[in-house]
């Protein structure tokens, strides 16, 4: 039974929509570099305050990062988030900020009044997703949306969810998060996938070019639909670079239940 998701009316009435990007790698950098276009579009659509963005990552730029990510040799050794946001601020005249530290579940305990409205997770480990998931019942209990993006060598997905917390109450039409639909994605007991490669050749062998950019563009296009029209009939998608196929994830409580049952069976 497909339904439409409606944008919470209070999200754009209080000033800028606060966005936190966790992760400044291939996908996070693509999200960050394209968010100014969404910011500009929202202002044209009547959301005068646009976006207020913070990017969080403790990693520094390496030589390998310069192959698939928007960094150059002059950036090596500098914090990724700082490099990206400084570049954006200079070009667009924005005043976006960075937190050059690793995200953990209690990262925002002292900033409850400034919790993000939308957390965009661009992380590649189960441990990092678990930390994000746990944060919604702690410091980020007022966060409205969690947009998760992830990929492997040839495919990836993005899923927009409303974490069950102080802001999002239990109801049938609440958008299920990626960890609710696919619990294994945040199951630290399952172990981690291989670490990122340390050479340019390995980096390209382990991941097809443009996977990150494709996921980021499509995820932001979905947010654009949400902020322009105030509603969505889907809340994510799966993309396969080898076949070119994209499968949308509909807003469908019945399908969510089936997906969760299937995930539980596979884990058993």
C-alpha atoms as a PDB file:
ATOM      1  CA  UNK A   1       0.000   0.000   0.000  1.00  0.00           C
ATOM      2  CA  UNK A   2       1.892   3.013  -1.279  1.00  0.00           C
ATOM      3  CA  UNK A   3       1.378   6.369   0.388  1.00  0.00           C
ATOM      4  CA  UNK A   4       2.904   9.837   0.080  1.00  0.00           C
ATOM      5  CA  UNK A   5       5.315  11.207   2.625  1.00  0.00           C
ATOM      6  CA  UNK A   6       4.692  14.830   3.596  1.00  0.00           C
ATOM      7  CA  UNK A   7       7.381  17.299   4.637  1.00  0.00           C
ATOM      8  CA  UNK A   8       6.884  18.319   8.297  1.00  0.00           C
ATOM      9  CA  UNK A   9       5.445  21.832   8.225  1.00  0.00           C
ATOM     10  CA  UNK A  10       7.748  23.132  10.955  1.00  0.00           C
ATOM     11  CA  UNK A  11      10.972  22.157   9.197  1.00  0.00           C
ATOM     12  CA  UNK A  12      11.205  25.251   7.002  1.00  0.00           C
ATOM     13  CA  UNK A  13       9.475  27.799   9.218  1.00  0.00           C
ATOM     14  CA  UNK A  14      12.200  28.319  11.807  1.00  0.00           C
ATOM     15  CA  UNK A  15      14.984  29.659   9.617  1.00  0.00           C
ATOM     16  CA  UNK A  16      17.610  27.686   7.715  1.00  0.00           C
ATOM     17  CA  UNK A  17      17.357  23.916   7.546  1.00  0.00           C
ATOM     18  CA  UNK A  18      20.341  22.603   9.504  1.00  0.00           C
ATOM     19  CA  UNK A  19      22.255  19.860   7.699  1.00  0.00           C
ATOM     20  CA  UNK A  20      25.068  17.725   9.096  1.00  0.00           C
ATOM     21  CA  UNK A  21      27.189  15.729   6.651  1.00  0.00           C
ATOM     22  CA  UNK A  22      29.078  12.904   8.348  1.00  0.00           C
ATOM     23  CA  UNK A  23      31.949  11.767   6.168  1.00  0.00           C
ATOM     24  CA  UNK A  24      34.005  13.718   3.637  1.00  0.00           C
ATOM     25  CA  UNK A  25      35.153  10.912   1.356  1.00  0.00           C
ATOM     26  CA  UNK A  26      33.957  10.096  -2.146  1.00  0.00           C
ATOM     27  CA  UNK A  27      30.242  10.355  -1.432  1.00  0.00           C
ATOM     28  CA  UNK A  28      30.406  13.008   1.288  1.00  0.00           C
ATOM     29  CA  UNK A  29      32.488  15.311  -0.900  1.00  0.00           C
ATOM     30  CA  UNK A  30      30.013  14.895  -3.780  1.00  0.00           C
ATOM     31  CA  UNK A  31      27.128  15.737  -1.458  1.00  0.00           C
ATOM     32  CA  UNK A  32      28.912  18.805  -0.090  1.00  0.00           C
ATOM     33  CA  UNK A  33      29.942  20.178  -3.466  1.00  0.00           C
ATOM     34  CA  UNK A  34      26.365  19.927  -4.773  1.00  0.00           C
ATOM     35  CA  UNK A  35      24.429  21.114  -1.718  1.00  0.00           C
ATOM     36  CA  UNK A  36      24.905  24.793  -2.679  1.00  0.00           C
ATOM     37  CA  UNK A  37      22.685  24.151  -5.711  1.00  0.00           C
ATOM     38  CA  UNK A  38      19.926  22.859  -3.433  1.00  0.00           C
ATOM     39  CA  UNK A  39      20.476  25.838  -1.137  1.00  0.00           C
ATOM     40  CA  UNK A  40      20.064  28.250  -4.048  1.00  0.00           C
ATOM     41  CA  UNK A  41      17.019  26.420  -5.379  1.00  0.00           C
ATOM     42  CA  UNK A  42      15.294  26.490  -1.987  1.00  0.00           C
ATOM     43  CA  UNK A  43      15.708  30.256  -1.795  1.00  0.00           C
ATOM     44  CA  UNK A  44      14.116  30.613  -5.248  1.00  0.00           C
ATOM     45  CA  UNK A  45      11.235  28.374  -4.114  1.00  0.00           C
ATOM     46  CA  UNK A  46      10.510  30.709  -1.227  1.00  0.00           C
ATOM     47  CA  UNK A  47      12.534  29.108   1.570  1.00  0.00           C
ATOM     48  CA  UNK A  48      14.471  32.322   2.124  1.00  0.00           C
ATOM     49  CA  UNK A  49      16.926  30.977   4.704  1.00  0.00           C
ATOM     50  CA  UNK A  50      18.060  27.995   2.652  1.00  0.00           C
ATOM     51  CA  UNK A  51      20.500  25.575   4.257  1.00  0.00           C
ATOM     52  CA  UNK A  52      22.974  25.853   7.116  1.00  0.00           C
ATOM     53  CA  UNK A  53      25.528  23.084   6.575  1.00  0.00           C
ATOM     54  CA  UNK A  54      28.161  21.529   8.833  1.00  0.00           C
ATOM     55  CA  UNK A  55      30.547  18.825   7.662  1.00  0.00           C
ATOM     56  CA  UNK A  56      32.182  16.402  10.091  1.00  0.00           C
ATOM     57  CA  UNK A  57      35.191  14.165   9.441  1.00  0.00           C
ATOM     58  CA  UNK A  58      38.504  13.538  11.164  1.00  0.00           C
ATOM     59  CA  UNK A  59      40.338  12.236   8.078  1.00  0.00           C
ATOM     60  CA  UNK A  60      43.076  14.064   6.234  1.00  0.00           C
ATOM     61  CA  UNK A  61      43.715  14.062   2.496  1.00  0.00           C
ATOM     62  CA  UNK A  62      46.068  11.371   1.166  1.00  0.00           C
ATOM     63  CA  UNK A  63      47.629  10.996  -2.270  1.00  0.00           C
ATOM     64  CA  UNK A  64      45.191   8.170  -3.095  1.00  0.00           C
ATOM     65  CA  UNK A  65      42.232  10.421  -2.309  1.00  0.00           C
ATOM     66  CA  UNK A  66      43.236  12.648  -5.212  1.00  0.00           C
ATOM     67  CA  UNK A  67      42.256   9.904  -7.675  1.00  0.00           C
ATOM     68  CA  UNK A  68      38.507   9.629  -6.997  1.00  0.00           C
ATOM     69  CA  UNK A  69      37.789  12.575  -4.710  1.00  0.00           C
ATOM     70  CA  UNK A  70      37.911  16.356  -5.399  1.00  0.00           C
ATOM     71  CA  UNK A  71      41.305  16.942  -3.809  1.00  0.00           C
ATOM     72  CA  UNK A  72      44.644  17.921  -5.291  1.00  0.00           C
ATOM     73  CA  UNK A  73      48.257  17.432  -4.297  1.00  0.00           C
ATOM     74  CA  UNK A  74      48.250  20.794  -2.498  1.00  0.00           C
ATOM     75  CA  UNK A  75      45.519  19.473  -0.152  1.00  0.00           C
ATOM     76  CA  UNK A  76      47.470  16.435   1.070  1.00  0.00           C
ATOM     77  CA  UNK A  77      47.743  16.366   4.840  1.00  0.00           C
ATOM     78  CA  UNK A  78      44.888  18.785   5.447  1.00  0.00           C
ATOM     79  CA  UNK A  79      41.528  17.886   6.971  1.00  0.00           C
ATOM     80  CA  UNK A  80      39.105  16.812   4.248  1.00  0.00           C
ATOM     81  CA  UNK A  81      36.044  18.589   5.616  1.00  0.00           C
ATOM     82  CA  UNK A  82      37.944  21.830   6.135  1.00  0.00           C
ATOM     83  CA  UNK A  83      39.319  21.810   2.584  1.00  0.00           C
ATOM     84  CA  UNK A  84      35.890  21.209   1.052  1.00  0.00           C
ATOM     85  CA  UNK A  85      33.898  23.685   3.126  1.00  0.00           C
ATOM     86  CA  UNK A  86      36.515  26.423   2.761  1.00  0.00           C
ATOM     87  CA  UNK A  87      36.350  25.945  -0.994  1.00  0.00           C
ATOM     88  CA  UNK A  88      32.549  26.143  -0.975  1.00  0.00           C
ATOM     89  CA  UNK A  89      32.469  29.222   1.262  1.00  0.00           C
ATOM     90  CA  UNK A  90      34.929  31.090  -0.930  1.00  0.00           C
ATOM     91  CA  UNK A  91      33.070  30.296  -4.152  1.00  0.00           C
ATOM     92  CA  UNK A  92      29.465  30.611  -2.967  1.00  0.00           C
ATOM     93  CA  UNK A  93      29.843  33.180  -0.197  1.00  0.00           C
ATOM     94  CA  UNK A  94      28.314  30.803   2.337  1.00  0.00           C
ATOM     95  CA  UNK A  95      29.230  30.551   6.002  1.00  0.00           C
ATOM     96  CA  UNK A  96      29.111  26.813   6.389  1.00  0.00           C
ATOM     97  CA  UNK A  97      31.196  25.166   9.103  1.00  0.00           C
ATOM     98  CA  UNK A  98      33.255  22.069   9.827  1.00  0.00           C
ATOM     99  CA  UNK A  99      33.949  19.757  12.741  1.00  0.00           C
ATOM    100  CA  UNK A 100      37.304  18.052  12.097  1.00  0.00           C
ATOM    101  CA  UNK A 101      36.577  15.141  14.420  1.00  0.00           C
ATOM    102  CA  UNK A 102      35.191  11.623  14.231  1.00  0.00           C
ATOM    103  CA  UNK A 103      31.457  11.285  14.797  1.00  0.00           C
ATOM    104  CA  UNK A 104      30.270   9.299  17.797  1.00  0.00           C
ATOM    105  CA  UNK A 105      26.878   8.811  19.423  1.00  0.00           C
ATOM    106  CA  UNK A 106      27.444  11.580  21.972  1.00  0.00           C
ATOM    107  CA  UNK A 107      29.102  14.103  19.662  1.00  0.00           C
ATOM    108  CA  UNK A 108      26.333  16.674  20.079  1.00  0.00           C
ATOM    109  CA  UNK A 109      25.460  16.250  23.747  1.00  0.00           C
ATOM    110  CA  UNK A 110      26.344  19.871  24.489  1.00  0.00           C
ATOM    111  CA  UNK A 111      24.488  21.291  21.500  1.00  0.00           C
ATOM    112  CA  UNK A 112      20.954  19.959  21.772  1.00  0.00           C
ATOM    113  CA  UNK A 113      19.435  23.244  20.695  1.00  0.00           C
ATOM    114  CA  UNK A 114      21.498  23.195  17.504  1.00  0.00           C
ATOM    115  CA  UNK A 115      20.978  19.587  16.502  1.00  0.00           C
ATOM    116  CA  UNK A 116      20.742  19.104  12.728  1.00  0.00           C
ATOM    117  CA  UNK A 117      17.358  18.762  11.080  1.00  0.00           C
ATOM    118  CA  UNK A 118      18.871  16.396   8.513  1.00  0.00           C
ATOM    119  CA  UNK A 119      21.860  14.124   9.054  1.00  0.00           C
ATOM    120  CA  UNK A 120      23.434  12.916   5.814  1.00  0.00           C
ATOM    121  CA  UNK A 121      25.539   9.854   6.539  1.00  0.00           C
ATOM    122  CA  UNK A 122      28.313   9.163   4.035  1.00  0.00           C
ATOM    123  CA  UNK A 123      30.201   6.543   6.027  1.00  0.00           C
ATOM    124  CA  UNK A 124      31.534   3.168   4.981  1.00  0.00           C
ATOM    125  CA  UNK A 125      31.593   1.094   8.170  1.00  0.00           C
ATOM    126  CA  UNK A 126      28.977  -0.656  10.286  1.00  0.00           C
ATOM    127  CA  UNK A 127      30.507   0.912  13.381  1.00  0.00           C
ATOM    128  CA  UNK A 128      29.957   4.429  12.025  1.00  0.00           C
ATOM    129  CA  UNK A 129      26.354   3.670  11.076  1.00  0.00           C
ATOM    130  CA  UNK A 130      25.714   2.197  14.512  1.00  0.00           C
ATOM    131  CA  UNK A 131      27.044   5.394  16.110  1.00  0.00           C
ATOM    132  CA  UNK A 132      24.711   7.463  13.931  1.00  0.00           C
ATOM    133  CA  UNK A 133      21.773   5.201  14.755  1.00  0.00           C
ATOM    134  CA  UNK A 134      22.448   5.417  18.502  1.00  0.00           C
ATOM    135  CA  UNK A 135      22.778   9.205  18.410  1.00  0.00           C
ATOM    136  CA  UNK A 136      19.097   9.636  17.542  1.00  0.00           C
ATOM    137  CA  UNK A 137      18.014   8.404  20.956  1.00  0.00           C
ATOM    138  CA  UNK A 138      20.602  10.603  22.659  1.00  0.00           C
ATOM    139  CA  UNK A 139      21.998  13.952  21.535  1.00  0.00           C
ATOM    140  CA  UNK A 140      20.146  14.010  18.207  1.00  0.00           C
ATOM    141  CA  UNK A 141      16.687  13.192  19.526  1.00  0.00           C
ATOM    142  CA  UNK A 142      15.262  16.226  17.686  1.00  0.00           C
ATOM    143  CA  UNK A 143      16.719  15.345  14.268  1.00  0.00           C
ATOM    144  CA  UNK A 144      14.007  14.910  11.643  1.00  0.00           C
ATOM    145  CA  UNK A 145      15.697  12.926   8.851  1.00  0.00           C
ATOM    146  CA  UNK A 146      18.597  10.529   8.364  1.00  0.00           C
ATOM    147  CA  UNK A 147      19.728  10.248   4.738  1.00  0.00           C
ATOM    148  CA  UNK A 148      22.164   7.355   4.410  1.00  0.00           C
ATOM    149  CA  UNK A 149      24.289   6.732   1.329  1.00  0.00           C
ATOM    150  CA  UNK A 150      26.489   3.706   0.815  1.00  0.00           C
ATOM    151  CA  UNK A 151      28.094   1.710  -1.960  1.00  0.00           C
ATOM    152  CA  UNK A 152      30.358  -1.155  -2.896  1.00  0.00           C
ATOM    153  CA  UNK A 153      32.446  -1.652  -6.036  1.00  0.00           C
ATOM    154  CA  UNK A 154      29.667  -1.473  -8.620  1.00  0.00           C
ATOM    155  CA  UNK A 155      26.442  -0.544  -6.850  1.00  0.00           C
ATOM    156  CA  UNK A 156      25.028   1.554  -4.065  1.00  0.00           C
ATOM    157  CA  UNK A 157      21.948   2.903  -2.374  1.00  0.00           C
ATOM    158  CA  UNK A 158      20.526   5.941  -0.648  1.00  0.00           C
ATOM    159  CA  UNK A 159      17.724   5.786   1.905  1.00  0.00           C
ATOM    160  CA  UNK A 160      15.910   8.684   3.580  1.00  0.00           C
ATOM    161  CA  UNK A 161      14.391   7.776   6.931  1.00  0.00           C
ATOM    162  CA  UNK A 162      12.854   9.351  10.013  1.00  0.00           C
ATOM    163  CA  UNK A 163      14.608   7.899  13.057  1.00  0.00           C
ATOM    164  CA  UNK A 164      12.350   6.873  15.898  1.00  0.00           C
ATOM    165  CA  UNK A 165      13.224   9.558  18.452  1.00  0.00           C
ATOM    166  CA  UNK A 166      11.802  12.511  20.340  1.00  0.00           C
ATOM    167  CA  UNK A 167      10.777  14.242  17.128  1.00  0.00           C
ATOM    168  CA  UNK A 168       9.490  11.306  15.088  1.00  0.00           C
ATOM    169  CA  UNK A 169       6.853   9.327  16.913  1.00  0.00           C
ATOM    170  CA  UNK A 170       5.858   5.748  16.231  1.00  0.00           C
ATOM    171  CA  UNK A 171       3.329   5.676  13.368  1.00  0.00           C
ATOM    172  CA  UNK A 172       2.693   3.578  10.293  1.00  0.00           C
ATOM    173  CA  UNK A 173       3.708   6.216   7.730  1.00  0.00           C
ATOM    174  CA  UNK A 174       7.000   7.225   9.416  1.00  0.00           C
ATOM    175  CA  UNK A 175       9.796   6.699   6.888  1.00  0.00           C
ATOM    176  CA  UNK A 176      11.808   3.693   8.003  1.00  0.00           C
ATOM    177  CA  UNK A 177      15.561   4.232   8.265  1.00  0.00           C
ATOM    178  CA  UNK A 178      18.188   2.196   6.475  1.00  0.00           C
ATOM    179  CA  UNK A 179      19.103   0.356   9.673  1.00  0.00           C
ATOM    180  CA  UNK A 180      15.458  -0.554  10.322  1.00  0.00           C
ATOM    181  CA  UNK A 181      14.975  -1.968   6.839  1.00  0.00           C
ATOM    182  CA  UNK A 182      18.416  -3.566   6.572  1.00  0.00           C
ATOM    183  CA  UNK A 183      19.720  -4.150  10.135  1.00  0.00           C
ATOM    184  CA  UNK A 184      22.899  -5.822   8.908  1.00  0.00           C
ATOM    185  CA  UNK A 185      24.165  -2.460   7.653  1.00  0.00           C
ATOM    186  CA  UNK A 186      24.757  -1.355  11.264  1.00  0.00           C
ATOM    187  CA  UNK A 187      25.535  -4.773  12.779  1.00  0.00           C
ATOM    188  CA  UNK A 188      29.056  -4.401  14.154  1.00  0.00           C
ATOM    189  CA  UNK A 189      29.111  -8.091  15.109  1.00  0.00           C
ATOM    190  CA  UNK A 190      29.101  -8.973  11.408  1.00  0.00           C
ATOM    191  CA  UNK A 191      32.556  -7.450  10.971  1.00  0.00           C
ATOM    192  CA  UNK A 192      33.707  -4.817   8.543  1.00  0.00           C
ATOM    193  CA  UNK A 193      34.360  -4.894   4.821  1.00  0.00           C
ATOM    194  CA  UNK A 194      37.977  -4.493   3.655  1.00  0.00           C
ATOM    195  CA  UNK A 195      39.538  -1.142   4.465  1.00  0.00           C
ATOM    196  CA  UNK A 196      39.994   1.453   1.701  1.00  0.00           C
ATOM    197  CA  UNK A 197      42.934   0.718  -0.560  1.00  0.00           C
ATOM    198  CA  UNK A 198      46.231   2.516  -0.185  1.00  0.00           C
ATOM    199  CA  UNK A 199      47.106   2.797  -3.880  1.00  0.00           C
ATOM    200  CA  UNK A 200      45.442   4.487  -6.831  1.00  0.00           C
ATOM    201  CA  UNK A 201      45.270   1.243  -8.844  1.00  0.00           C
ATOM    202  CA  UNK A 202      43.597  -0.626  -5.987  1.00  0.00           C
ATOM    203  CA  UNK A 203      41.185   2.263  -5.444  1.00  0.00           C
ATOM    204  CA  UNK A 204      39.912   2.041  -9.021  1.00  0.00           C
ATOM    205  CA  UNK A 205      39.849  -1.774  -8.983  1.00  0.00           C
ATOM    206  CA  UNK A 206      37.729  -1.851  -5.838  1.00  0.00           C
ATOM    207  CA  UNK A 207      35.245   0.780  -6.946  1.00  0.00           C
ATOM    208  CA  UNK A 208      33.959   1.912 -10.312  1.00  0.00           C
ATOM    209  CA  UNK A 209      34.361   5.643 -11.040  1.00  0.00           C
ATOM    210  CA  UNK A 210      31.301   7.887 -10.619  1.00  0.00           C
ATOM    211  CA  UNK A 211      29.400   5.614  -8.208  1.00  0.00           C
ATOM    212  CA  UNK A 212      29.661   8.276  -5.492  1.00  0.00           C
ATOM    213  CA  UNK A 213      28.644  11.139  -7.747  1.00  0.00           C
ATOM    214  CA  UNK A 214      25.664   9.222  -9.122  1.00  0.00           C
ATOM    215  CA  UNK A 215      24.334   8.364  -5.677  1.00  0.00           C
ATOM    216  CA  UNK A 216      24.895  11.897  -4.374  1.00  0.00           C
ATOM    217  CA  UNK A 217      23.160  13.543  -7.355  1.00  0.00           C
ATOM    218  CA  UNK A 218      20.139  11.275  -7.142  1.00  0.00           C
ATOM    219  CA  UNK A 219      19.845  11.631  -3.367  1.00  0.00           C
ATOM    220  CA  UNK A 220      19.948  15.421  -3.612  1.00  0.00           C
ATOM    221  CA  UNK A 221      17.418  15.356  -6.445  1.00  0.00           C
ATOM    222  CA  UNK A 222      15.104  13.489  -4.076  1.00  0.00           C
ATOM    223  CA  UNK A 223      15.598  16.147  -1.388  1.00  0.00           C
ATOM    224  CA  UNK A 224      14.914  18.772  -4.028  1.00  0.00           C
ATOM    225  CA  UNK A 225      11.563  17.121  -4.764  1.00  0.00           C
ATOM    226  CA  UNK A 226      10.749  17.042  -1.070  1.00  0.00           C
ATOM    227  CA  UNK A 227      11.516  20.720  -0.476  1.00  0.00           C
ATOM    228  CA  UNK A 228       9.915  21.947  -3.677  1.00  0.00           C
ATOM    229  CA  UNK A 229       6.667  19.981  -3.602  1.00  0.00           C
ATOM    230  CA  UNK A 230       6.494  19.067   0.076  1.00  0.00           C
ATOM    231  CA  UNK A 231       5.974  15.380  -0.576  1.00  0.00           C
ATOM    232  CA  UNK A 232       7.615  12.174  -1.798  1.00  0.00           C
ATOM    233  CA  UNK A 233       6.315   8.895  -3.194  1.00  0.00           C
ATOM    234  CA  UNK A 234       9.705   7.196  -2.737  1.00  0.00           C
ATOM    235  CA  UNK A 235      12.443   7.620  -0.134  1.00  0.00           C
ATOM    236  CA  UNK A 236      15.518   6.078  -1.701  1.00  0.00           C
ATOM    237  CA  UNK A 237      16.840   3.921  -4.488  1.00  0.00           C
ATOM    238  CA  UNK A 238      19.350   1.247  -5.447  1.00  0.00           C
ATOM    239  CA  UNK A 239      21.732   1.789  -8.364  1.00  0.00           C
ATOM    240  CA  UNK A 240      23.827  -0.723 -10.316  1.00  0.00           C
ATOM    241  CA  UNK A 241      26.617   0.782 -12.426  1.00  0.00           C
ATOM    242  CA  UNK A 242      27.163  -2.357 -14.505  1.00  0.00           C
ATOM    243  CA  UNK A 243      23.562  -2.765 -15.625  1.00  0.00           C
ATOM    244  CA  UNK A 244      22.521   0.878 -15.429  1.00  0.00           C
ATOM    245  CA  UNK A 245      19.415  -0.100 -13.486  1.00  0.00           C
ATOM    246  CA  UNK A 246      17.929   2.034 -10.731  1.00  0.00           C
ATOM    247  CA  UNK A 247      15.227   0.652  -8.426  1.00  0.00           C
ATOM    248  CA  UNK A 248      13.259   3.124  -6.334  1.00  0.00           C
ATOM    249  CA  UNK A 249      12.299   2.415  -2.720  1.00  0.00           C
ATOM    250  CA  UNK A 250       8.618   3.377  -2.456  1.00  0.00           C
ATOM    251  CA  UNK A 251       6.924   4.857   0.583  1.00  0.00           C
ATOM    252  CA  UNK A 252       5.049   1.656   1.349  1.00  0.00           C
ATOM    253  CA  UNK A 253       4.463   0.408   4.930  1.00  0.00           C
ATOM    254  CA  UNK A 254       3.493  -3.066   3.684  1.00  0.00           C
ATOM    255  CA  UNK A 255       6.723  -3.400   1.727  1.00  0.00           C
ATOM    256  CA  UNK A 256       8.697  -2.136   4.746  1.00  0.00           C
ATOM    257  CA  UNK A 257       7.241  -4.945   6.850  1.00  0.00           C
ATOM    258  CA  UNK A 258       8.121  -7.546   4.218  1.00  0.00           C
ATOM    259  CA  UNK A 259      11.649  -6.171   3.892  1.00  0.00           C
ATOM    260  CA  UNK A 260      12.218  -6.323   7.643  1.00  0.00           C
ATOM    261  CA  UNK A 261      10.892  -9.891   7.834  1.00  0.00           C
ATOM    262  CA  UNK A 262      13.198 -10.901   4.998  1.00  0.00           C
ATOM    263  CA  UNK A 263      16.170  -9.252   6.701  1.00  0.00           C
ATOM    264  CA  UNK A 264      15.428 -11.091   9.946  1.00  0.00           C
ATOM    265  CA  UNK A 265      15.223 -14.429   8.117  1.00  0.00           C
ATOM    266  CA  UNK A 266      18.543 -13.832   6.394  1.00  0.00           C
ATOM    267  CA  UNK A 267      20.166 -12.964   9.720  1.00  0.00           C
ATOM    268  CA  UNK A 268      18.801 -16.063  11.447  1.00  0.00           C
END
